[in-house]
Amino acid sequence: MSNKDTFDAFVSIVQDKLIEFSDVAGKPGLNILKGEMQEKFDALVKSQGYVTTKDYQMLEALAAKLEARIDTLEKLLEEDKAK
């Protein structure tokens, strides 16, 4: 999906939700709309290959742990070769 198609799809979703929102007045309706829009936007962004900040931070922490394990294994290998 091209960027224009993605943008058009997102605008269409926003328009639909705004129409629904106009039928449901009040703060609870706004919170529901906000949650639904966030879910739709997150799905759209992920479909374009992006990740959320939370996912990025989780992957970054995992990468740091893996790098530490590799460093430890490399040190053990060097010590083993030295013997």
PDB file of N, CA and C in Angstrom:
ATOM      1  N   MET A   1       0.859  -1.174   0.000  1.00  0.00           N
ATOM      2  CA  MET A   1       0.000   0.000   0.000  1.00  0.00           C
ATOM      3  C   MET A   1       0.904   1.235   0.000  1.00  0.00           C
ATOM      4  N   SER A   2       0.629   2.168  -0.901  1.00  0.00           N
ATOM      5  CA  SER A   2       1.437   3.378  -0.981  1.00  0.00           C
ATOM      6  C   SER A   2       1.099   4.315   0.177  1.00  0.00           C
ATOM      7  N   ASN A   3       1.973   5.292   0.376  1.00  0.00           N
ATOM      8  CA  ASN A   3       1.745   6.258   1.453  1.00  0.00           C
ATOM      9  C   ASN A   3       0.435   7.002   1.266  1.00  0.00           C
ATOM     10  N   LYS A   4       0.103   7.349   0.008  1.00  0.00           N
ATOM     11  CA  LYS A   4      -1.154   8.058  -0.245  1.00  0.00           C
ATOM     12  C   LYS A   4      -2.346   7.173   0.097  1.00  0.00           C
ATOM     13  N   ASP A   5      -2.274   5.902  -0.302  1.00  0.00           N
ATOM     14  CA  ASP A   5      -3.361   4.974   0.015  1.00  0.00           C
ATOM     15  C   ASP A   5      -3.504   4.807   1.525  1.00  0.00           C
ATOM     16  N   THR A   6      -2.376   4.724   2.200  1.00  0.00           N
ATOM     17  CA  THR A   6      -2.391   4.580   3.657  1.00  0.00           C
ATOM     18  C   THR A   6      -3.028   5.797   4.299  1.00  0.00           C
ATOM     19  N   PHE A   7      -2.628   6.969   3.846  1.00  0.00           N
ATOM     20  CA  PHE A   7      -3.186   8.201   4.396  1.00  0.00           C
ATOM     21  C   PHE A   7      -4.685   8.289   4.124  1.00  0.00           C
ATOM     22  N   ASP A   8      -5.077   7.963   2.903  1.00  0.00           N
ATOM     23  CA  ASP A   8      -6.499   7.993   2.551  1.00  0.00           C
ATOM     24  C   ASP A   8      -7.305   7.030   3.413  1.00  0.00           C
ATOM     25  N   ALA A   9      -6.753   5.842   3.665  1.00  0.00           N
ATOM     26  CA  ALA A   9      -7.434   4.857   4.506  1.00  0.00           C
ATOM     27  C   ALA A   9      -7.595   5.397   5.921  1.00  0.00           C
ATOM     28  N   PHE A  10      -6.548   6.031   6.432  1.00  0.00           N
ATOM     29  CA  PHE A  10      -6.601   6.576   7.785  1.00  0.00           C
ATOM     30  C   PHE A  10      -7.634   7.700   7.869  1.00  0.00           C
ATOM     31  N   VAL A  11      -7.654   8.569   6.885  1.00  0.00           N
ATOM     32  CA  VAL A  11      -8.622   9.666   6.866  1.00  0.00           C
ATOM     33  C   VAL A  11     -10.041   9.104   6.824  1.00  0.00           C
ATOM     34  N   SER A  12     -10.237   8.060   6.046  1.00  0.00           N
ATOM     35  CA  SER A  12     -11.556   7.435   5.968  1.00  0.00           C
ATOM     36  C   SER A  12     -11.982   6.884   7.329  1.00  0.00           C
ATOM     37  N   ILE A  13     -11.060   6.251   8.013  1.00  0.00           N
ATOM     38  CA  ILE A  13     -11.353   5.716   9.354  1.00  0.00           C
ATOM     39  C   ILE A  13     -11.721   6.851  10.301  1.00  0.00           C
ATOM     40  N   VAL A  14     -10.959   7.940  10.255  1.00  0.00           N
ATOM     41  CA  VAL A  14     -11.227   9.092  11.124  1.00  0.00           C
ATOM     42  C   VAL A  14     -12.605   9.673  10.827  1.00  0.00           C
ATOM     43  N   GLN A  15     -12.925   9.811   9.574  1.00  0.00           N
ATOM     44  CA  GLN A  15     -14.234  10.353   9.204  1.00  0.00           C
ATOM     45  C   GLN A  15     -15.361   9.470   9.732  1.00  0.00           C
ATOM     46  N   ASP A  16     -15.220   8.150   9.562  1.00  0.00           N
ATOM     47  CA  ASP A  16     -16.251   7.230  10.056  1.00  0.00           C
ATOM     48  C   ASP A  16     -16.426   7.360  11.562  1.00  0.00           C
ATOM     49  N   LYS A  17     -15.317   7.445  12.277  1.00  0.00           N
ATOM     50  CA  LYS A  17     -15.392   7.533  13.733  1.00  0.00           C
ATOM     51  C   LYS A  17     -15.970   8.868  14.186  1.00  0.00           C
ATOM     52  N   LEU A  18     -15.683   9.932  13.469  1.00  0.00           N
ATOM     53  CA  LEU A  18     -16.249  11.233  13.824  1.00  0.00           C
ATOM     54  C   LEU A  18     -17.758  11.245  13.617  1.00  0.00           C
ATOM     55  N   ILE A  19     -18.208  10.587  12.568  1.00  0.00           N
ATOM     56  CA  ILE A  19     -19.653  10.495  12.338  1.00  0.00           C
ATOM     57  C   ILE A  19     -20.304   9.705  13.470  1.00  0.00           C
ATOM     58  N   GLU A  20     -19.677   8.584  13.855  1.00  0.00           N
ATOM     59  CA  GLU A  20     -20.201   7.800  14.976  1.00  0.00           C
ATOM     60  C   GLU A  20     -20.187   8.624  16.257  1.00  0.00           C
ATOM     61  N   PHE A  21     -19.126   9.388  16.454  1.00  0.00           N
ATOM     62  CA  PHE A  21     -18.988  10.190  17.663  1.00  0.00           C
ATOM     63  C   PHE A  21     -20.074  11.255  17.752  1.00  0.00           C
ATOM     64  N   SER A  22     -20.444  11.816  16.619  1.00  0.00           N
ATOM     65  CA  SER A  22     -21.481  12.855  16.647  1.00  0.00           C
ATOM     66  C   SER A  22     -22.818  12.284  17.122  1.00  0.00           C
ATOM     67  N   ASP A  23     -23.001  10.974  16.916  1.00  0.00           N
ATOM     68  CA  ASP A  23     -24.219  10.317  17.393  1.00  0.00           C
ATOM     69  C   ASP A  23     -24.154  10.012  18.893  1.00  0.00           C
ATOM     70  N   VAL A  24     -22.943   9.826  19.399  1.00  0.00           N
ATOM     71  CA  VAL A  24     -22.761   9.472  20.814  1.00  0.00           C
ATOM     72  C   VAL A  24     -22.048  10.641  21.494  1.00  0.00           C
ATOM     73  N   ALA A  25     -22.787  11.469  22.200  1.00  0.00           N
ATOM     74  CA  ALA A  25     -22.195  12.645  22.844  1.00  0.00           C
ATOM     75  C   ALA A  25     -21.723  12.285  24.242  1.00  0.00           C
ATOM     76  N   GLY A  26     -20.794  13.064  24.745  1.00  0.00           N
ATOM     77  CA  GLY A  26     -20.344  12.894  26.114  1.00  0.00           C
ATOM     78  C   GLY A  26     -18.923  12.374  26.199  1.00  0.00           C
ATOM     79  N   LYS A  27     -18.359  12.501  27.384  1.00  0.00           N
ATOM     80  CA  LYS A  27     -16.967  12.106  27.620  1.00  0.00           C
ATOM     81  C   LYS A  27     -16.735  10.607  27.445  1.00  0.00           C
ATOM     82  N   PRO A  28     -17.620   9.729  27.922  1.00  0.00           N
ATOM     83  CA  PRO A  28     -17.375   8.297  27.690  1.00  0.00           C
ATOM     84  C   PRO A  28     -17.243   7.967  26.204  1.00  0.00           C
ATOM     85  N   GLY A  29     -18.063   8.614  25.382  1.00  0.00           N
ATOM     86  CA  GLY A  29     -17.966   8.408  23.942  1.00  0.00           C
ATOM     87  C   GLY A  29     -16.624   8.851  23.400  1.00  0.00           C
ATOM     88  N   LEU A  30     -16.108   9.951  23.925  1.00  0.00           N
ATOM     89  CA  LEU A  30     -14.809  10.456  23.498  1.00  0.00           C
ATOM     90  C   LEU A  30     -13.702   9.476  23.865  1.00  0.00           C
ATOM     91  N   ASN A  31     -13.766   8.907  25.066  1.00  0.00           N
ATOM     92  CA  ASN A  31     -12.746   7.942  25.488  1.00  0.00           C
ATOM     93  C   ASN A  31     -12.787   6.685  24.628  1.00  0.00           C
ATOM     94  N   ILE A  32     -13.991   6.242  24.294  1.00  0.00           N
ATOM     95  CA  ILE A  32     -14.130   5.068  23.431  1.00  0.00           C
ATOM     96  C   ILE A  32     -13.549   5.380  22.053  1.00  0.00           C
ATOM     97  N   LEU A  33     -13.880   6.548  21.535  1.00  0.00           N
ATOM     98  CA  LEU A  33     -13.371   6.961  20.233  1.00  0.00           C
ATOM     99  C   LEU A  33     -11.854   7.030  20.249  1.00  0.00           C
ATOM    100  N   LYS A  34     -11.301   7.611  21.294  1.00  0.00           N
ATOM    101  CA  LYS A  34      -9.846   7.732  21.400  1.00  0.00           C
ATOM    102  C   LYS A  34      -9.188   6.363  21.392  1.00  0.00           C
ATOM    103  N   GLY A  35      -9.740   5.433  22.158  1.00  0.00           N
ATOM    104  CA  GLY A  35      -9.180   4.082  22.208  1.00  0.00           C
ATOM    105  C   GLY A  35      -9.253   3.376  20.868  1.00  0.00           C
ATOM    106  N   GLU A  36     -10.398   3.482  20.218  1.00  0.00           N
ATOM    107  CA  GLU A  36     -10.558   2.842  18.916  1.00  0.00           C
ATOM    108  C   GLU A  36      -9.637   3.458  17.868  1.00  0.00           C
ATOM    109  N   MET A  37      -9.521   4.770  17.897  1.00  0.00           N
ATOM    110  CA  MET A  37      -8.651   5.440  16.929  1.00  0.00           C
ATOM    111  C   MET A  37      -7.193   5.051  17.159  1.00  0.00           C
ATOM    112  N   GLN A  38      -6.795   4.941  18.429  1.00  0.00           N
ATOM    113  CA  GLN A  38      -5.419   4.552  18.734  1.00  0.00           C
ATOM    114  C   GLN A  38      -5.135   3.149  18.213  1.00  0.00           C
ATOM    115  N   GLU A  39      -6.081   2.231  18.407  1.00  0.00           N
ATOM    116  CA  GLU A  39      -5.910   0.860  17.925  1.00  0.00           C
ATOM    117  C   GLU A  39      -5.788   0.831  16.402  1.00  0.00           C
ATOM    118  N   LYS A  40      -6.668   1.549  15.726  1.00  0.00           N
ATOM    119  CA  LYS A  40      -6.648   1.580  14.258  1.00  0.00           C
ATOM    120  C   LYS A  40      -5.360   2.215  13.746  1.00  0.00           C
ATOM    121  N   PHE A  41      -4.941   3.302  14.382  1.00  0.00           N
ATOM    122  CA  PHE A  41      -3.733   3.983  13.949  1.00  0.00           C
ATOM    123  C   PHE A  41      -2.513   3.095  14.176  1.00  0.00           C
ATOM    124  N   ASP A  42      -2.443   2.429  15.334  1.00  0.00           N
ATOM    125  CA  ASP A  42      -1.326   1.528  15.630  1.00  0.00           C
ATOM    126  C   ASP A  42      -1.251   0.399  14.603  1.00  0.00           C
ATOM    127  N   ALA A  43      -2.411  -0.165  14.265  1.00  0.00           N
ATOM    128  CA  ALA A  43      -2.442  -1.240  13.271  1.00  0.00           C
ATOM    129  C   ALA A  43      -1.969  -0.730  11.912  1.00  0.00           C
ATOM    130  N   LEU A  44      -2.393   0.468  11.558  1.00  0.00           N
ATOM    131  CA  LEU A  44      -1.988   1.062  10.288  1.00  0.00           C
ATOM    132  C   LEU A  44      -0.485   1.312  10.262  1.00  0.00           C
ATOM    133  N   VAL A  45       0.039   1.846  11.326  1.00  0.00           N
ATOM    134  CA  VAL A  45       1.474   2.137  11.405  1.00  0.00           C
ATOM    135  C   VAL A  45       2.276   0.840  11.344  1.00  0.00           C
ATOM    136  N   LYS A  46       1.838  -0.174  12.083  1.00  0.00           N
ATOM    137  CA  LYS A  46       2.552  -1.456  12.078  1.00  0.00           C
ATOM    138  C   LYS A  46       2.508  -2.089  10.693  1.00  0.00           C
ATOM    139  N   SER A  47       1.409  -1.913   9.971  1.00  0.00           N
ATOM    140  CA  SER A  47       1.307  -2.488   8.628  1.00  0.00           C
ATOM    141  C   SER A  47       2.301  -1.835   7.665  1.00  0.00           C
ATOM    142  N   GLN A  48       2.766  -0.656   8.007  1.00  0.00           N
ATOM    143  CA  GLN A  48       3.742   0.046   7.176  1.00  0.00           C
ATOM    144  C   GLN A  48       5.179  -0.245   7.597  1.00  0.00           C
ATOM    145  N   GLY A  49       5.346  -1.149   8.583  1.00  0.00           N
ATOM    146  CA  GLY A  49       6.684  -1.567   8.987  1.00  0.00           C
ATOM    147  C   GLY A  49       7.246  -0.835  10.187  1.00  0.00           C
ATOM    148  N   TYR A  50       6.472   0.018  10.801  1.00  0.00           N
ATOM    149  CA  TYR A  50       6.939   0.738  11.979  1.00  0.00           C
ATOM    150  C   TYR A  50       6.550  -0.025  13.237  1.00  0.00           C
ATOM    151  N   VAL A  51       7.236   0.282  14.328  1.00  0.00           N
ATOM    152  CA  VAL A  51       6.897  -0.330  15.614  1.00  0.00           C
ATOM    153  C   VAL A  51       6.611   0.771  16.622  1.00  0.00           C
ATOM    154  N   THR A  52       5.877   0.416  17.665  1.00  0.00           N
ATOM    155  CA  THR A  52       5.581   1.389  18.712  1.00  0.00           C
ATOM    156  C   THR A  52       6.816   1.615  19.560  1.00  0.00           C
ATOM    157  N   THR A  53       6.817   2.687  20.308  1.00  0.00           N
ATOM    158  CA  THR A  53       7.937   2.984  21.200  1.00  0.00           C
ATOM    159  C   THR A  53       8.130   1.851  22.198  1.00  0.00           C
ATOM    160  N   LYS A  54       7.036   1.332  22.713  1.00  0.00           N
ATOM    161  CA  LYS A  54       7.109   0.228  23.685  1.00  0.00           C
ATOM    162  C   LYS A  54       7.781  -0.995  23.053  1.00  0.00           C
ATOM    163  N   ASP A  55       7.366  -1.347  21.839  1.00  0.00           N
ATOM    164  CA  ASP A  55       7.973  -2.486  21.148  1.00  0.00           C
ATOM    165  C   ASP A  55       9.446  -2.226  20.865  1.00  0.00           C
ATOM    166  N   TYR A  56       9.771  -1.018  20.453  1.00  0.00           N
ATOM    167  CA  TYR A  56      11.163  -0.664  20.164  1.00  0.00           C
ATOM    168  C   TYR A  56      12.025  -0.788  21.410  1.00  0.00           C
ATOM    169  N   GLN A  57      11.524  -0.273  22.531  1.00  0.00           N
ATOM    170  CA  GLN A  57      12.287  -0.349  23.767  1.00  0.00           C
ATOM    171  C   GLN A  57      12.477  -1.796  24.206  1.00  0.00           C
ATOM    172  N   MET A  58      11.461  -2.624  24.016  1.00  0.00           N
ATOM    173  CA  MET A  58      11.573  -4.033  24.366  1.00  0.00           C
ATOM    174  C   MET A  58      12.640  -4.714  23.498  1.00  0.00           C
ATOM    175  N   LEU A  59      12.625  -4.432  22.206  1.00  0.00           N
ATOM    176  CA  LEU A  59      13.614  -5.014  21.298  1.00  0.00           C
ATOM    177  C   LEU A  59      15.015  -4.501  21.605  1.00  0.00           C
ATOM    178  N   GLU A  60      15.105  -3.240  21.975  1.00  0.00           N
ATOM    179  CA  GLU A  60      16.395  -2.655  22.318  1.00  0.00           C
ATOM    180  C   GLU A  60      16.974  -3.323  23.569  1.00  0.00           C
ATOM    181  N   ALA A  61      16.136  -3.572  24.574  1.00  0.00           N
ATOM    182  CA  ALA A  61      16.586  -4.240  25.800  1.00  0.00           C
ATOM    183  C   ALA A  61      17.012  -5.677  25.495  1.00  0.00           C
ATOM    184  N   LEU A  62      16.270  -6.353  24.653  1.00  0.00           N
ATOM    185  CA  LEU A  62      16.618  -7.715  24.268  1.00  0.00           C
ATOM    186  C   LEU A  62      17.952  -7.747  23.532  1.00  0.00           C
ATOM    187  N   ALA A  63      18.148  -6.798  22.640  1.00  0.00           N
ATOM    188  CA  ALA A  63      19.419  -6.718  21.904  1.00  0.00           C
ATOM    189  C   ALA A  63      20.586  -6.478  22.862  1.00  0.00           C
ATOM    190  N   ALA A  64      20.398  -5.623  23.859  1.00  0.00           N
ATOM    191  CA  ALA A  64      21.461  -5.354  24.834  1.00  0.00           C
ATOM    192  C   ALA A  64      21.804  -6.623  25.620  1.00  0.00           C
ATOM    193  N   LYS A  65      20.779  -7.393  26.013  1.00  0.00           N
ATOM    194  CA  LYS A  65      21.019  -8.647  26.735  1.00  0.00           C
ATOM    195  C   LYS A  65      21.770  -9.642  25.854  1.00  0.00           C
ATOM    196  N   LEU A  66      21.387  -9.728  24.597  1.00  0.00           N
ATOM    197  CA  LEU A  66      22.060 -10.647  23.684  1.00  0.00           C
ATOM    198  C   LEU A  66      23.509 -10.240  23.447  1.00  0.00           C
ATOM    199  N   GLU A  67      23.759  -8.951  23.333  1.00  0.00           N
ATOM    200  CA  GLU A  67      25.127  -8.466  23.161  1.00  0.00           C
ATOM    201  C   GLU A  67      25.970  -8.806  24.382  1.00  0.00           C
ATOM    202  N   ALA A  68      25.399  -8.672  25.576  1.00  0.00           N
ATOM    203  CA  ALA A  68      26.125  -9.015  26.804  1.00  0.00           C
ATOM    204  C   ALA A  68      26.449 -10.509  26.836  1.00  0.00           C
ATOM    205  N   ARG A  69      25.504 -11.332  26.416  1.00  0.00           N
ATOM    206  CA  ARG A  69      25.750 -12.782  26.371  1.00  0.00           C
ATOM    207  C   ARG A  69      26.842 -13.118  25.371  1.00  0.00           C
ATOM    208  N   ILE A  70      26.847 -12.464  24.221  1.00  0.00           N
ATOM    209  CA  ILE A  70      27.884 -12.703  23.215  1.00  0.00           C
ATOM    210  C   ILE A  70      29.246 -12.289  23.754  1.00  0.00           C
ATOM    211  N   ASP A  71      29.303 -11.137  24.421  1.00  0.00           N
ATOM    212  CA  ASP A  71      30.566 -10.687  25.010  1.00  0.00           C
ATOM    213  C   ASP A  71      31.093 -11.711  26.007  1.00  0.00           C
ATOM    214  N   THR A  72      30.213 -12.231  26.846  1.00  0.00           N
ATOM    215  CA  THR A  72      30.612 -13.234  27.834  1.00  0.00           C
ATOM    216  C   THR A  72      31.129 -14.492  27.148  1.00  0.00           C
ATOM    217  N   LEU A  73      30.416 -14.950  26.131  1.00  0.00           N
ATOM    218  CA  LEU A  73      30.846 -16.137  25.395  1.00  0.00           C
ATOM    219  C   LEU A  73      32.186 -15.917  24.688  1.00  0.00           C
ATOM    220  N   GLU A  74      32.395 -14.731  24.143  1.00  0.00           N
ATOM    221  CA  GLU A  74      33.670 -14.430  23.483  1.00  0.00           C
ATOM    222  C   GLU A  74      34.812 -14.434  24.495  1.00  0.00           C
ATOM    223  N   LYS A  75      34.585 -13.900  25.677  1.00  0.00           N
ATOM    224  CA  LYS A  75      35.612 -13.900  26.717  1.00  0.00           C
ATOM    225  C   LYS A  75      35.940 -15.333  27.144  1.00  0.00           C
ATOM    226  N   LEU A  76      34.905 -16.147  27.317  1.00  0.00           N
ATOM    227  CA  LEU A  76      35.129 -17.550  27.687  1.00  0.00           C
ATOM    228  C   LEU A  76      35.884 -18.294  26.603  1.00  0.00           C
ATOM    229  N   LEU A  77      35.584 -18.015  25.355  1.00  0.00           N
ATOM    230  CA  LEU A  77      36.276 -18.651  24.240  1.00  0.00           C
ATOM    231  C   LEU A  77      37.738 -18.243  24.208  1.00  0.00           C
ATOM    232  N   GLU A  78      38.008 -16.961  24.430  1.00  0.00           N
ATOM    233  CA  GLU A  78      39.395 -16.477  24.464  1.00  0.00           C
ATOM    234  C   GLU A  78      40.155 -17.115  25.620  1.00  0.00           C
ATOM    235  N   GLU A  79      39.538 -17.231  26.792  1.00  0.00           N
ATOM    236  CA  GLU A  79      40.176 -17.863  27.941  1.00  0.00           C
ATOM    237  C   GLU A  79      40.461 -19.335  27.661  1.00  0.00           C
ATOM    238  N   ASP A  80      39.525 -19.979  26.983  1.00  0.00           N
ATOM    239  CA  ASP A  80      39.700 -21.396  26.650  1.00  0.00           C
ATOM    240  C   ASP A  80      40.843 -21.587  25.661  1.00  0.00           C
ATOM    241  N   LYS A  81      40.971 -20.673  24.684  1.00  0.00           N
ATOM    242  CA  LYS A  81      42.053 -20.752  23.710  1.00  0.00           C
ATOM    243  C   LYS A  81      43.405 -20.500  24.374  1.00  0.00           C
ATOM    244  N   ALA A  82      43.422 -19.628  25.391  1.00  0.00           N
ATOM    245  CA  ALA A  82      44.665 -19.267  26.090  1.00  0.00           C
ATOM    246  C   ALA A  82      45.206 -20.456  26.890  1.00  0.00           C
ATOM    247  N   LYS A  83      44.358 -21.372  27.273  1.00  0.00           N
ATOM    248  CA  LYS A  83      44.783 -22.530  28.086  1.00  0.00           C
ATOM    249  C   LYS A  83      45.441 -23.516  27.249  1.00  0.00           C
TER     250      LYS A  83
END
